[in-house]
Amino acid sequence: MTCIAIKRIYEVPNANDGCRVLVDRLWPRGLRKDQAEIDHWFKGLAPSDALRKWFGHEPEKWDEFRLRYCAELEANTAALVPLRTLLQLEAKVTLLFAAKDEAHNNAVALAAYLQVKPQHY
């Protein structure tokens, strides 16, 4: 089974990251694309703009955000196909996010979803 890691995109990339996948809809502020060293950018895996704005990275909304985000993923399983393929091919995939809150962000929610739904990869 593939190892899934989570990392802020602003952290220095290293060889232990494996395949680096940005899972945010918007490009991270203040970061040039050549600095990011990403292998893939799967915008379609990010929460909808409406959900992202509703959440606003407010920890008290975290549980409801996760429920709504999982519902969005369930409704758009085609967006998961490229990631599922990587998870079958790569030994390690690092999900990259830009949020300041390292515990309450879409990459954390996505990794948890993938652990609950292992049949997807």
PDB file of N, CA and C in Angstrom:
ATOM      1  N   MET A   1       0.842  -1.185   0.000  1.00  0.00           N
ATOM      2  CA  MET A   1       0.000   0.000   0.000  1.00  0.00           C
ATOM      3  C   MET A   1       0.887   1.249   0.000  1.00  0.00           C
ATOM      4  N   THR A   2       0.483   2.214  -0.741  1.00  0.00           N
ATOM      5  CA  THR A   2       1.211   3.463  -0.859  1.00  0.00           C
ATOM      6  C   THR A   2       1.182   4.246   0.447  1.00  0.00           C
ATOM      7  N   CYS A   3       2.286   4.863   0.760  1.00  0.00           N
ATOM      8  CA  CYS A   3       2.360   5.763   1.904  1.00  0.00           C
ATOM      9  C   CYS A   3       1.851   7.131   1.450  1.00  0.00           C
ATOM     10  N   ILE A   4       0.887   7.682   2.183  1.00  0.00           N
ATOM     11  CA  ILE A   4       0.368   9.018   1.890  1.00  0.00           C
ATOM     12  C   ILE A   4       0.877   9.958   2.970  1.00  0.00           C
ATOM     13  N   ALA A   5       1.580  10.994   2.546  1.00  0.00           N
ATOM     14  CA  ALA A   5       2.075  12.018   3.465  1.00  0.00           C
ATOM     15  C   ALA A   5       1.356  13.329   3.162  1.00  0.00           C
ATOM     16  N   ILE A   6       1.432  14.246   4.100  1.00  0.00           N
ATOM     17  CA  ILE A   6       0.808  15.560   3.960  1.00  0.00           C
ATOM     18  C   ILE A   6       1.857  16.598   4.327  1.00  0.00           C
ATOM     19  N   LYS A   7       1.948  17.654   3.515  1.00  0.00           N
ATOM     20  CA  LYS A   7       2.988  18.644   3.748  1.00  0.00           C
ATOM     21  C   LYS A   7       2.539  20.000   3.225  1.00  0.00           C
ATOM     22  N   ARG A   8       2.899  21.035   3.949  1.00  0.00           N
ATOM     23  CA  ARG A   8       2.661  22.391   3.466  1.00  0.00           C
ATOM     24  C   ARG A   8       3.565  22.655   2.275  1.00  0.00           C
ATOM     25  N   ILE A   9       3.029  23.228   1.223  1.00  0.00           N
ATOM     26  CA  ILE A   9       3.807  23.442   0.004  1.00  0.00           C
ATOM     27  C   ILE A   9       4.949  24.431   0.232  1.00  0.00           C
ATOM     28  N   TYR A  10       4.864  25.240   1.253  1.00  0.00           N
ATOM     29  CA  TYR A  10       5.915  26.213   1.552  1.00  0.00           C
ATOM     30  C   TYR A  10       7.132  25.581   2.222  1.00  0.00           C
ATOM     31  N   GLU A  11       6.998  24.339   2.697  1.00  0.00           N
ATOM     32  CA  GLU A  11       8.143  23.638   3.273  1.00  0.00           C
ATOM     33  C   GLU A  11       9.089  23.225   2.149  1.00  0.00           C
ATOM     34  N   VAL A  12      10.364  23.117   2.479  1.00  0.00           N
ATOM     35  CA  VAL A  12      11.375  22.761   1.485  1.00  0.00           C
ATOM     36  C   VAL A  12      11.126  21.351   0.958  1.00  0.00           C
ATOM     37  N   PRO A  13      11.052  21.210  -0.365  1.00  0.00           N
ATOM     38  CA  PRO A  13      10.895  19.863  -0.939  1.00  0.00           C
ATOM     39  C   PRO A  13      12.121  19.012  -0.649  1.00  0.00           C
ATOM     40  N   ASN A  14      11.908  17.694  -0.484  1.00  0.00           N
ATOM     41  CA  ASN A  14      13.054  16.809  -0.337  1.00  0.00           C
ATOM     42  C   ASN A  14      12.747  15.461  -0.983  1.00  0.00           C
ATOM     43  N   ALA A  15      13.754  14.654  -1.130  1.00  0.00           N
ATOM     44  CA  ALA A  15      13.633  13.371  -1.830  1.00  0.00           C
ATOM     45  C   ALA A  15      12.660  12.423  -1.134  1.00  0.00           C
ATOM     46  N   ASN A  16      12.477  12.584   0.171  1.00  0.00           N
ATOM     47  CA  ASN A  16      11.566  11.712   0.916  1.00  0.00           C
ATOM     48  C   ASN A  16      10.095  11.996   0.625  1.00  0.00           C
ATOM     49  N   ASP A  17       9.806  13.074  -0.098  1.00  0.00           N
ATOM     50  CA  ASP A  17       8.426  13.424  -0.408  1.00  0.00           C
ATOM     51  C   ASP A  17       7.781  12.449  -1.394  1.00  0.00           C
ATOM     52  N   GLY A  18       8.571  11.780  -2.194  1.00  0.00           N
ATOM     53  CA  GLY A  18       7.995  10.922  -3.232  1.00  0.00           C
ATOM     54  C   GLY A  18       7.329  11.784  -4.288  1.00  0.00           C
ATOM     55  N   CYS A  19       6.198  11.350  -4.770  1.00  0.00           N
ATOM     56  CA  CYS A  19       5.439  12.081  -5.781  1.00  0.00           C
ATOM     57  C   CYS A  19       4.682  13.219  -5.090  1.00  0.00           C
ATOM     58  N   ARG A  20       4.957  14.447  -5.495  1.00  0.00           N
ATOM     59  CA  ARG A  20       4.378  15.638  -4.852  1.00  0.00           C
ATOM     60  C   ARG A  20       3.150  16.111  -5.628  1.00  0.00           C
ATOM     61  N   VAL A  21       2.003  16.153  -4.925  1.00  0.00           N
ATOM     62  CA  VAL A  21       0.730  16.481  -5.573  1.00  0.00           C
ATOM     63  C   VAL A  21       0.055  17.643  -4.843  1.00  0.00           C
ATOM     64  N   LEU A  22      -0.098  18.760  -5.530  1.00  0.00           N
ATOM     65  CA  LEU A  22      -0.824  19.901  -4.976  1.00  0.00           C
ATOM     66  C   LEU A  22      -2.319  19.625  -5.108  1.00  0.00           C
ATOM     67  N   VAL A  23      -3.057  19.762  -4.000  1.00  0.00           N
ATOM     68  CA  VAL A  23      -4.484  19.461  -4.013  1.00  0.00           C
ATOM     69  C   VAL A  23      -5.337  20.681  -3.679  1.00  0.00           C
ATOM     70  N   ASP A  24      -4.800  21.871  -3.895  1.00  0.00           N
ATOM     71  CA  ASP A  24      -5.545  23.116  -3.708  1.00  0.00           C
ATOM     72  C   ASP A  24      -6.069  23.599  -5.062  1.00  0.00           C
ATOM     73  N   ARG A  25      -7.188  24.288  -5.034  1.00  0.00           N
ATOM     74  CA  ARG A  25      -7.772  24.835  -6.260  1.00  0.00           C
ATOM     75  C   ARG A  25      -7.002  26.068  -6.739  1.00  0.00           C
ATOM     76  N   LEU A  26      -6.511  26.863  -5.788  1.00  0.00           N
ATOM     77  CA  LEU A  26      -5.794  28.092  -6.114  1.00  0.00           C
ATOM     78  C   LEU A  26      -4.294  27.882  -5.963  1.00  0.00           C
ATOM     79  N   TRP A  27      -3.518  28.559  -6.804  1.00  0.00           N
ATOM     80  CA  TRP A  27      -2.067  28.476  -6.679  1.00  0.00           C
ATOM     81  C   TRP A  27      -1.655  29.179  -5.380  1.00  0.00           C
ATOM     82  N   PRO A  28      -0.719  28.616  -4.615  1.00  0.00           N
ATOM     83  CA  PRO A  28      -0.280  29.214  -3.341  1.00  0.00           C
ATOM     84  C   PRO A  28       0.327  30.602  -3.524  1.00  0.00           C
ATOM     85  N   ARG A  29      -0.091  31.510  -2.682  1.00  0.00           N
ATOM     86  CA  ARG A  29       0.395  32.898  -2.743  1.00  0.00           C
ATOM     87  C   ARG A  29       1.893  32.974  -2.495  1.00  0.00           C
ATOM     88  N   GLY A  30       2.532  33.823  -3.283  1.00  0.00           N
ATOM     89  CA  GLY A  30       3.943  34.117  -3.070  1.00  0.00           C
ATOM     90  C   GLY A  30       4.902  33.009  -3.453  1.00  0.00           C
ATOM     91  N   LEU A  31       4.427  31.985  -4.108  1.00  0.00           N
ATOM     92  CA  LEU A  31       5.284  30.858  -4.480  1.00  0.00           C
ATOM     93  C   LEU A  31       5.355  30.758  -5.999  1.00  0.00           C
ATOM     94  N   ARG A  32       6.572  30.811  -6.510  1.00  0.00           N
ATOM     95  CA  ARG A  32       6.753  30.643  -7.958  1.00  0.00           C
ATOM     96  C   ARG A  32       6.629  29.166  -8.297  1.00  0.00           C
ATOM     97  N   LYS A  33       6.139  28.893  -9.475  1.00  0.00           N
ATOM     98  CA  LYS A  33       5.932  27.493  -9.877  1.00  0.00           C
ATOM     99  C   LYS A  33       7.228  26.701  -9.900  1.00  0.00           C
ATOM    100  N   ASP A  34       8.335  27.346 -10.234  1.00  0.00           N
ATOM    101  CA  ASP A  34       9.606  26.622 -10.262  1.00  0.00           C
ATOM    102  C   ASP A  34      10.116  26.313  -8.852  1.00  0.00           C
ATOM    103  N   GLN A  35       9.615  26.999  -7.844  1.00  0.00           N
ATOM    104  CA  GLN A  35      10.004  26.737  -6.460  1.00  0.00           C
ATOM    105  C   GLN A  35       9.218  25.569  -5.858  1.00  0.00           C
ATOM    106  N   ALA A  36       8.038  25.333  -6.370  1.00  0.00           N
ATOM    107  CA  ALA A  36       7.130  24.364  -5.763  1.00  0.00           C
ATOM    108  C   ALA A  36       7.578  22.919  -5.942  1.00  0.00           C
ATOM    109  N   GLU A  37       8.234  22.641  -7.041  1.00  0.00           N
ATOM    110  CA  GLU A  37       8.685  21.281  -7.342  1.00  0.00           C
ATOM    111  C   GLU A  37       7.561  20.259  -7.181  1.00  0.00           C
ATOM    112  N   ILE A  38       6.433  20.543  -7.838  1.00  0.00           N
ATOM    113  CA  ILE A  38       5.323  19.596  -7.790  1.00  0.00           C
ATOM    114  C   ILE A  38       5.379  18.679  -9.004  1.00  0.00           C
ATOM    115  N   ASP A  39       4.863  17.479  -8.821  1.00  0.00           N
ATOM    116  CA  ASP A  39       4.756  16.533  -9.932  1.00  0.00           C
ATOM    117  C   ASP A  39       3.391  16.645 -10.601  1.00  0.00           C
ATOM    118  N   HIS A  40       2.376  16.951  -9.806  1.00  0.00           N
ATOM    119  CA  HIS A  40       1.010  17.064 -10.326  1.00  0.00           C
ATOM    120  C   HIS A  40       0.252  18.126  -9.546  1.00  0.00           C
ATOM    121  N   TRP A  41      -0.721  18.746 -10.221  1.00  0.00           N
ATOM    122  CA  TRP A  41      -1.628  19.683  -9.569  1.00  0.00           C
ATOM    123  C   TRP A  41      -3.034  19.236  -9.918  1.00  0.00           C
ATOM    124  N   PHE A  42      -3.716  18.647  -8.954  1.00  0.00           N
ATOM    125  CA  PHE A  42      -5.068  18.138  -9.165  1.00  0.00           C
ATOM    126  C   PHE A  42      -6.078  19.110  -8.552  1.00  0.00           C
ATOM    127  N   LYS A  43      -6.380  20.168  -9.275  1.00  0.00           N
ATOM    128  CA  LYS A  43      -7.328  21.189  -8.808  1.00  0.00           C
ATOM    129  C   LYS A  43      -8.705  20.601  -8.546  1.00  0.00           C
ATOM    130  N   GLY A  44      -9.066  19.604  -9.350  1.00  0.00           N
ATOM    131  CA  GLY A  44     -10.386  19.006  -9.228  1.00  0.00           C
ATOM    132  C   GLY A  44     -10.630  18.262  -7.924  1.00  0.00           C
ATOM    133  N   LEU A  45      -9.566  17.981  -7.186  1.00  0.00           N
ATOM    134  CA  LEU A  45      -9.703  17.311  -5.883  1.00  0.00           C
ATOM    135  C   LEU A  45      -9.947  18.298  -4.750  1.00  0.00           C
ATOM    136  N   ALA A  46      -9.784  19.560  -5.031  1.00  0.00           N
ATOM    137  CA  ALA A  46      -9.962  20.582  -3.998  1.00  0.00           C
ATOM    138  C   ALA A  46     -11.448  20.776  -3.704  1.00  0.00           C
ATOM    139  N   PRO A  47     -11.761  21.247  -2.516  1.00  0.00           N
ATOM    140  CA  PRO A  47     -13.156  21.574  -2.212  1.00  0.00           C
ATOM    141  C   PRO A  47     -13.659  22.654  -3.174  1.00  0.00           C
ATOM    142  N   SER A  48     -14.955  22.675  -3.390  1.00  0.00           N
ATOM    143  CA  SER A  48     -15.545  23.718  -4.234  1.00  0.00           C
ATOM    144  C   SER A  48     -15.239  25.086  -3.628  1.00  0.00           C
ATOM    145  N   ASP A  49     -15.311  26.109  -4.467  1.00  0.00           N
ATOM    146  CA  ASP A  49     -15.089  27.466  -3.965  1.00  0.00           C
ATOM    147  C   ASP A  49     -16.089  27.798  -2.860  1.00  0.00           C
ATOM    148  N   ALA A  50     -17.334  27.384  -3.048  1.00  0.00           N
ATOM    149  CA  ALA A  50     -18.359  27.672  -2.040  1.00  0.00           C
ATOM    150  C   ALA A  50     -18.026  27.017  -0.704  1.00  0.00           C
ATOM    151  N   LEU A  51     -17.589  25.759  -0.740  1.00  0.00           N
ATOM    152  CA  LEU A  51     -17.249  25.067   0.497  1.00  0.00           C
ATOM    153  C   LEU A  51     -16.000  25.674   1.134  1.00  0.00           C
ATOM    154  N   ARG A  52     -15.018  25.981   0.316  1.00  0.00           N
ATOM    155  CA  ARG A  52     -13.779  26.590   0.824  1.00  0.00           C
ATOM    156  C   ARG A  52     -14.075  27.913   1.525  1.00  0.00           C
ATOM    157  N   LYS A  53     -14.906  28.736   0.899  1.00  0.00           N
ATOM    158  CA  LYS A  53     -15.240  30.042   1.488  1.00  0.00           C
ATOM    159  C   LYS A  53     -16.080  29.874   2.753  1.00  0.00           C
ATOM    160  N   TRP A  54     -17.016  28.911   2.741  1.00  0.00           N
ATOM    161  CA  TRP A  54     -17.833  28.666   3.928  1.00  0.00           C
ATOM    162  C   TRP A  54     -16.952  28.244   5.102  1.00  0.00           C
ATOM    163  N   PHE A  55     -16.015  27.331   4.858  1.00  0.00           N
ATOM    164  CA  PHE A  55     -15.141  26.820   5.915  1.00  0.00           C
ATOM    165  C   PHE A  55     -14.259  27.927   6.476  1.00  0.00           C
ATOM    166  N   GLY A  56     -13.613  28.663   5.611  1.00  0.00           N
ATOM    167  CA  GLY A  56     -12.774  29.768   6.063  1.00  0.00           C
ATOM    168  C   GLY A  56     -11.673  29.374   7.026  1.00  0.00           C
ATOM    169  N   HIS A  57     -11.311  28.110   7.051  1.00  0.00           N
ATOM    170  CA  HIS A  57     -10.285  27.567   7.955  1.00  0.00           C
ATOM    171  C   HIS A  57     -10.605  27.840   9.418  1.00  0.00           C
ATOM    172  N   GLU A  58     -11.908  27.780   9.746  1.00  0.00           N
ATOM    173  CA  GLU A  58     -12.361  27.945  11.123  1.00  0.00           C
ATOM    174  C   GLU A  58     -12.444  26.551  11.758  1.00  0.00           C
ATOM    175  N   PRO A  59     -11.563  26.252  12.712  1.00  0.00           N
ATOM    176  CA  PRO A  59     -11.515  24.901  13.300  1.00  0.00           C
ATOM    177  C   PRO A  59     -12.851  24.393  13.833  1.00  0.00           C
ATOM    178  N   GLU A  60     -13.697  25.293  14.318  1.00  0.00           N
ATOM    179  CA  GLU A  60     -14.985  24.852  14.850  1.00  0.00           C
ATOM    180  C   GLU A  60     -15.911  24.309  13.755  1.00  0.00           C
ATOM    181  N   LYS A  61     -15.612  24.587  12.493  1.00  0.00           N
ATOM    182  CA  LYS A  61     -16.392  24.068  11.364  1.00  0.00           C
ATOM    183  C   LYS A  61     -15.763  22.804  10.767  1.00  0.00           C
ATOM    184  N   TRP A  62     -14.677  22.325  11.347  1.00  0.00           N
ATOM    185  CA  TRP A  62     -13.896  21.234  10.773  1.00  0.00           C
ATOM    186  C   TRP A  62     -14.716  19.966  10.518  1.00  0.00           C
ATOM    187  N   ASP A  63     -15.464  19.500  11.515  1.00  0.00           N
ATOM    188  CA  ASP A  63     -16.213  18.254  11.342  1.00  0.00           C
ATOM    189  C   ASP A  63     -17.230  18.369  10.203  1.00  0.00           C
ATOM    190  N   GLU A  64     -17.939  19.480  10.165  1.00  0.00           N
ATOM    191  CA  GLU A  64     -18.924  19.687   9.098  1.00  0.00           C
ATOM    192  C   GLU A  64     -18.229  19.856   7.742  1.00  0.00           C
ATOM    193  N   PHE A  65     -17.088  20.548   7.732  1.00  0.00           N
ATOM    194  CA  PHE A  65     -16.319  20.693   6.485  1.00  0.00           C
ATOM    195  C   PHE A  65     -15.943  19.322   5.935  1.00  0.00           C
ATOM    196  N   ARG A  66     -15.432  18.448   6.793  1.00  0.00           N
ATOM    197  CA  ARG A  66     -15.036  17.110   6.340  1.00  0.00           C
ATOM    198  C   ARG A  66     -16.219  16.344   5.755  1.00  0.00           C
ATOM    199  N   LEU A  67     -17.363  16.426   6.399  1.00  0.00           N
ATOM    200  CA  LEU A  67     -18.554  15.757   5.878  1.00  0.00           C
ATOM    201  C   LEU A  67     -18.940  16.295   4.505  1.00  0.00           C
ATOM    202  N   ARG A  68     -18.954  17.603   4.379  1.00  0.00           N
ATOM    203  CA  ARG A  68     -19.336  18.218   3.104  1.00  0.00           C
ATOM    204  C   ARG A  68     -18.302  17.934   2.012  1.00  0.00           C
ATOM    205  N   TYR A  69     -17.034  17.973   2.385  1.00  0.00           N
ATOM    206  CA  TYR A  69     -15.969  17.708   1.405  1.00  0.00           C
ATOM    207  C   TYR A  69     -16.031  16.253   0.934  1.00  0.00           C
ATOM    208  N   CYS A  70     -16.249  15.334   1.851  1.00  0.00           N
ATOM    209  CA  CYS A  70     -16.385  13.922   1.461  1.00  0.00           C
ATOM    210  C   CYS A  70     -17.574  13.728   0.539  1.00  0.00           C
ATOM    211  N   ALA A  71     -18.649  14.440   0.798  1.00  0.00           N
ATOM    212  CA  ALA A  71     -19.827  14.360  -0.076  1.00  0.00           C
ATOM    213  C   ALA A  71     -19.477  14.876  -1.471  1.00  0.00           C
ATOM    214  N   GLU A  72     -18.687  15.946  -1.541  1.00  0.00           N
ATOM    215  CA  GLU A  72     -18.255  16.451  -2.849  1.00  0.00           C
ATOM    216  C   GLU A  72     -17.388  15.423  -3.570  1.00  0.00           C
ATOM    217  N   LEU A  73     -16.487  14.786  -2.846  1.00  0.00           N
ATOM    218  CA  LEU A  73     -15.634  13.761  -3.459  1.00  0.00           C
ATOM    219  C   LEU A  73     -16.470  12.592  -3.963  1.00  0.00           C
ATOM    220  N   GLU A  74     -17.454  12.185  -3.179  1.00  0.00           N
ATOM    221  CA  GLU A  74     -18.328  11.077  -3.577  1.00  0.00           C
ATOM    222  C   GLU A  74     -19.124  11.429  -4.840  1.00  0.00           C
ATOM    223  N   ALA A  75     -19.487  12.702  -4.965  1.00  0.00           N
ATOM    224  CA  ALA A  75     -20.267  13.145  -6.118  1.00  0.00           C
ATOM    225  C   ALA A  75     -19.402  13.348  -7.363  1.00  0.00           C
ATOM    226  N   ASN A  76     -18.087  13.367  -7.190  1.00  0.00           N
ATOM    227  CA  ASN A  76     -17.181  13.627  -8.300  1.00  0.00           C
ATOM    228  C   ASN A  76     -16.040  12.611  -8.295  1.00  0.00           C
ATOM    229  N   THR A  77     -16.384  11.348  -8.342  1.00  0.00           N
ATOM    230  CA  THR A  77     -15.364  10.301  -8.254  1.00  0.00           C
ATOM    231  C   THR A  77     -14.393  10.323  -9.428  1.00  0.00           C
ATOM    232  N   ALA A  78     -14.796  10.898 -10.553  1.00  0.00           N
ATOM    233  CA  ALA A  78     -13.891  10.987 -11.708  1.00  0.00           C
ATOM    234  C   ALA A  78     -12.659  11.821 -11.372  1.00  0.00           C
ATOM    235  N   ALA A  79     -12.809  12.809 -10.507  1.00  0.00           N
ATOM    236  CA  ALA A  79     -11.665  13.652 -10.122  1.00  0.00           C
ATOM    237  C   ALA A  79     -10.631  12.854  -9.338  1.00  0.00           C
ATOM    238  N   LEU A  80     -11.055  11.761  -8.721  1.00  0.00           N
ATOM    239  CA  LEU A  80     -10.141  10.928  -7.939  1.00  0.00           C
ATOM    240  C   LEU A  80      -9.312   9.978  -8.795  1.00  0.00           C
ATOM    241  N   VAL A  81      -9.710   9.752 -10.028  1.00  0.00           N
ATOM    242  CA  VAL A  81      -9.040   8.759 -10.871  1.00  0.00           C
ATOM    243  C   VAL A  81      -7.539   9.015 -11.023  1.00  0.00           C
ATOM    244  N   PRO A  82      -7.103  10.242 -11.354  1.00  0.00           N
ATOM    245  CA  PRO A  82      -5.648  10.449 -11.490  1.00  0.00           C
ATOM    246  C   PRO A  82      -4.885  10.172 -10.194  1.00  0.00           C
ATOM    247  N   LEU A  83      -5.458  10.556  -9.068  1.00  0.00           N
ATOM    248  CA  LEU A  83      -4.795  10.298  -7.786  1.00  0.00           C
ATOM    249  C   LEU A  83      -4.784   8.808  -7.481  1.00  0.00           C
ATOM    250  N   ARG A  84      -5.899   8.132  -7.731  1.00  0.00           N
ATOM    251  CA  ARG A  84      -5.938   6.682  -7.510  1.00  0.00           C
ATOM    252  C   ARG A  84      -4.864   5.977  -8.338  1.00  0.00           C
ATOM    253  N   THR A  85      -4.685   6.424  -9.568  1.00  0.00           N
ATOM    254  CA  THR A  85      -3.662   5.838 -10.437  1.00  0.00           C
ATOM    255  C   THR A  85      -2.279   6.035  -9.837  1.00  0.00           C
ATOM    256  N   LEU A  86      -1.990   7.249  -9.365  1.00  0.00           N
ATOM    257  CA  LEU A  86      -0.689   7.510  -8.724  1.00  0.00           C
ATOM    258  C   LEU A  86      -0.485   6.628  -7.500  1.00  0.00           C
ATOM    259  N   LEU A  87      -1.541   6.458  -6.732  1.00  0.00           N
ATOM    260  CA  LEU A  87      -1.434   5.657  -5.518  1.00  0.00           C
ATOM    261  C   LEU A  87      -1.137   4.193  -5.828  1.00  0.00           C
ATOM    262  N   GLN A  88      -1.501   3.753  -7.000  1.00  0.00           N
ATOM    263  CA  GLN A  88      -1.186   2.386  -7.415  1.00  0.00           C
ATOM    264  C   GLN A  88       0.237   2.278  -7.944  1.00  0.00           C
ATOM    265  N   LEU A  89       0.778   3.381  -8.463  1.00  0.00           N
ATOM    266  CA  LEU A  89       2.082   3.353  -9.116  1.00  0.00           C
ATOM    267  C   LEU A  89       3.244   3.804  -8.234  1.00  0.00           C
ATOM    268  N   GLU A  90       2.986   4.673  -7.297  1.00  0.00           N
ATOM    269  CA  GLU A  90       4.049   5.292  -6.500  1.00  0.00           C
ATOM    270  C   GLU A  90       4.147   4.671  -5.110  1.00  0.00           C
ATOM    271  N   ALA A  91       5.360   4.608  -4.588  1.00  0.00           N
ATOM    272  CA  ALA A  91       5.570   4.098  -3.227  1.00  0.00           C
ATOM    273  C   ALA A  91       5.119   5.124  -2.189  1.00  0.00           C
ATOM    274  N   LYS A  92       5.268   6.410  -2.518  1.00  0.00           N
ATOM    275  CA  LYS A  92       4.873   7.468  -1.588  1.00  0.00           C
ATOM    276  C   LYS A  92       4.312   8.642  -2.384  1.00  0.00           C
ATOM    277  N   VAL A  93       3.204   9.158  -1.893  1.00  0.00           N
ATOM    278  CA  VAL A  93       2.580  10.346  -2.471  1.00  0.00           C
ATOM    279  C   VAL A  93       2.420  11.363  -1.352  1.00  0.00           C
ATOM    280  N   THR A  94       2.898  12.573  -1.590  1.00  0.00           N
ATOM    281  CA  THR A  94       2.748  13.645  -0.619  1.00  0.00           C
ATOM    282  C   THR A  94       1.712  14.633  -1.131  1.00  0.00           C
ATOM    283  N   LEU A  95       0.634  14.786  -0.350  1.00  0.00           N
ATOM    284  CA  LEU A  95      -0.410  15.745  -0.676  1.00  0.00           C
ATOM    285  C   LEU A  95       0.019  17.108  -0.162  1.00  0.00           C
ATOM    286  N   LEU A  96       0.066  18.083  -1.039  1.00  0.00           N
ATOM    287  CA  LEU A  96       0.545  19.423  -0.705  1.00  0.00           C
ATOM    288  C   LEU A  96      -0.618  20.395  -0.577  1.00  0.00           C
ATOM    289  N   PHE A  97      -0.536  21.276   0.418  1.00  0.00           N
ATOM    290  CA  PHE A  97      -1.569  22.281   0.664  1.00  0.00           C
ATOM    291  C   PHE A  97      -0.888  23.585   1.052  1.00  0.00           C
ATOM    292  N   ALA A  98      -1.616  24.694   0.964  1.00  0.00           N
ATOM    293  CA  ALA A  98      -1.043  26.000   1.281  1.00  0.00           C
ATOM    294  C   ALA A  98      -1.532  26.576   2.608  1.00  0.00           C
ATOM    295  N   ALA A  99      -2.603  26.070   3.152  1.00  0.00           N
ATOM    296  CA  ALA A  99      -3.196  26.637   4.369  1.00  0.00           C
ATOM    297  C   ALA A  99      -2.185  26.705   5.514  1.00  0.00           C
ATOM    298  N   LYS A 100      -2.354  27.707   6.364  1.00  0.00           N
ATOM    299  CA  LYS A 100      -1.472  27.843   7.526  1.00  0.00           C
ATOM    300  C   LYS A 100      -1.774  26.797   8.595  1.00  0.00           C
ATOM    301  N   ASP A 101      -3.034  26.414   8.702  1.00  0.00           N
ATOM    302  CA  ASP A 101      -3.453  25.443   9.703  1.00  0.00           C
ATOM    303  C   ASP A 101      -3.131  24.037   9.192  1.00  0.00           C
ATOM    304  N   GLU A 102      -2.161  23.400   9.815  1.00  0.00           N
ATOM    305  CA  GLU A 102      -1.696  22.091   9.352  1.00  0.00           C
ATOM    306  C   GLU A 102      -2.595  20.944   9.780  1.00  0.00           C
ATOM    307  N   ALA A 103      -3.533  21.206  10.682  1.00  0.00           N
ATOM    308  CA  ALA A 103      -4.424  20.145  11.158  1.00  0.00           C
ATOM    309  C   ALA A 103      -5.806  20.197  10.516  1.00  0.00           C
ATOM    310  N   HIS A 104      -6.194  21.365  10.022  1.00  0.00           N
ATOM    311  CA  HIS A 104      -7.545  21.559   9.485  1.00  0.00           C
ATOM    312  C   HIS A 104      -7.459  22.119   8.071  1.00  0.00           C
ATOM    313  N   ASN A 105      -7.252  21.231   7.104  1.00  0.00           N
ATOM    314  CA  ASN A 105      -7.176  21.662   5.707  1.00  0.00           C
ATOM    315  C   ASN A 105      -7.631  20.518   4.806  1.00  0.00           C
ATOM    316  N   ASN A 106      -7.817  20.824   3.532  1.00  0.00           N
ATOM    317  CA  ASN A 106      -8.376  19.823   2.623  1.00  0.00           C
ATOM    318  C   ASN A 106      -7.436  18.640   2.391  1.00  0.00           C
ATOM    319  N   ALA A 107      -6.135  18.820   2.476  1.00  0.00           N
ATOM    320  CA  ALA A 107      -5.214  17.691   2.286  1.00  0.00           C
ATOM    321  C   ALA A 107      -5.376  16.676   3.416  1.00  0.00           C
ATOM    322  N   VAL A 108      -5.543  17.153   4.636  1.00  0.00           N
ATOM    323  CA  VAL A 108      -5.772  16.268   5.783  1.00  0.00           C
ATOM    324  C   VAL A 108      -7.092  15.521   5.593  1.00  0.00           C
ATOM    325  N   ALA A 109      -8.125  16.246   5.184  1.00  0.00           N
ATOM    326  CA  ALA A 109      -9.432  15.620   4.964  1.00  0.00           C
ATOM    327  C   ALA A 109      -9.373  14.610   3.817  1.00  0.00           C
ATOM    328  N   LEU A 110      -8.651  14.937   2.757  1.00  0.00           N
ATOM    329  CA  LEU A 110      -8.529  14.029   1.618  1.00  0.00           C
ATOM    330  C   LEU A 110      -7.783  12.756   2.010  1.00  0.00           C
ATOM    331  N   ALA A 111      -6.702  12.891   2.746  1.00  0.00           N
ATOM    332  CA  ALA A 111      -5.948  11.710   3.194  1.00  0.00           C
ATOM    333  C   ALA A 111      -6.825  10.813   4.063  1.00  0.00           C
ATOM    334  N   ALA A 112      -7.613  11.410   4.951  1.00  0.00           N
ATOM    335  CA  ALA A 112      -8.518  10.632   5.801  1.00  0.00           C
ATOM    336  C   ALA A 112      -9.574   9.925   4.952  1.00  0.00           C
ATOM    337  N   TYR A 113     -10.092  10.609   3.968  1.00  0.00           N
ATOM    338  CA  TYR A 113     -11.073  10.008   3.058  1.00  0.00           C
ATOM    339  C   TYR A 113     -10.473   8.794   2.363  1.00  0.00           C
ATOM    340  N   LEU A 114      -9.249   8.919   1.886  1.00  0.00           N
ATOM    341  CA  LEU A 114      -8.596   7.815   1.182  1.00  0.00           C
ATOM    342  C   LEU A 114      -8.342   6.624   2.104  1.00  0.00           C
ATOM    343  N   GLN A 115      -8.106   6.881   3.374  1.00  0.00           N
ATOM    344  CA  GLN A 115      -7.911   5.791   4.324  1.00  0.00           C
ATOM    345  C   GLN A 115      -9.223   5.078   4.615  1.00  0.00           C
ATOM    346  N   VAL A 116     -10.314   5.823   4.648  1.00  0.00           N
ATOM    347  CA  VAL A 116     -11.629   5.237   4.900  1.00  0.00           C
ATOM    348  C   VAL A 116     -12.138   4.497   3.667  1.00  0.00           C
ATOM    349  N   LYS A 117     -11.719   4.952   2.493  1.00  0.00           N
ATOM    350  CA  LYS A 117     -12.163   4.374   1.220  1.00  0.00           C
ATOM    351  C   LYS A 117     -10.989   3.697   0.513  1.00  0.00           C
ATOM    352  N   PRO A 118     -10.327   2.731   1.141  1.00  0.00           N
ATOM    353  CA  PRO A 118      -9.128   2.136   0.527  1.00  0.00           C
ATOM    354  C   PRO A 118      -9.420   1.389  -0.767  1.00  0.00           C
ATOM    355  N   GLN A 119     -10.652   1.001  -1.001  1.00  0.00           N
ATOM    356  CA  GLN A 119     -10.959   0.300  -2.234  1.00  0.00           C
ATOM    357  C   GLN A 119     -10.762   1.188  -3.449  1.00  0.00           C
ATOM    358  N   HIS A 120     -10.628   2.488  -3.224  1.00  0.00           N
ATOM    359  CA  HIS A 120     -10.446   3.414  -4.340  1.00  0.00           C
ATOM    360  C   HIS A 120      -9.033   3.375  -4.916  1.00  0.00           C
ATOM    361  N   TYR A 121      -8.104   2.703  -4.224  1.00  0.00           N
ATOM    362  CA  TYR A 121      -6.740   2.598  -4.780  1.00  0.00           C
ATOM    363  C   TYR A 121      -6.077   1.316  -4.382  1.00  0.00           C
TER     364      TYR A 121
END
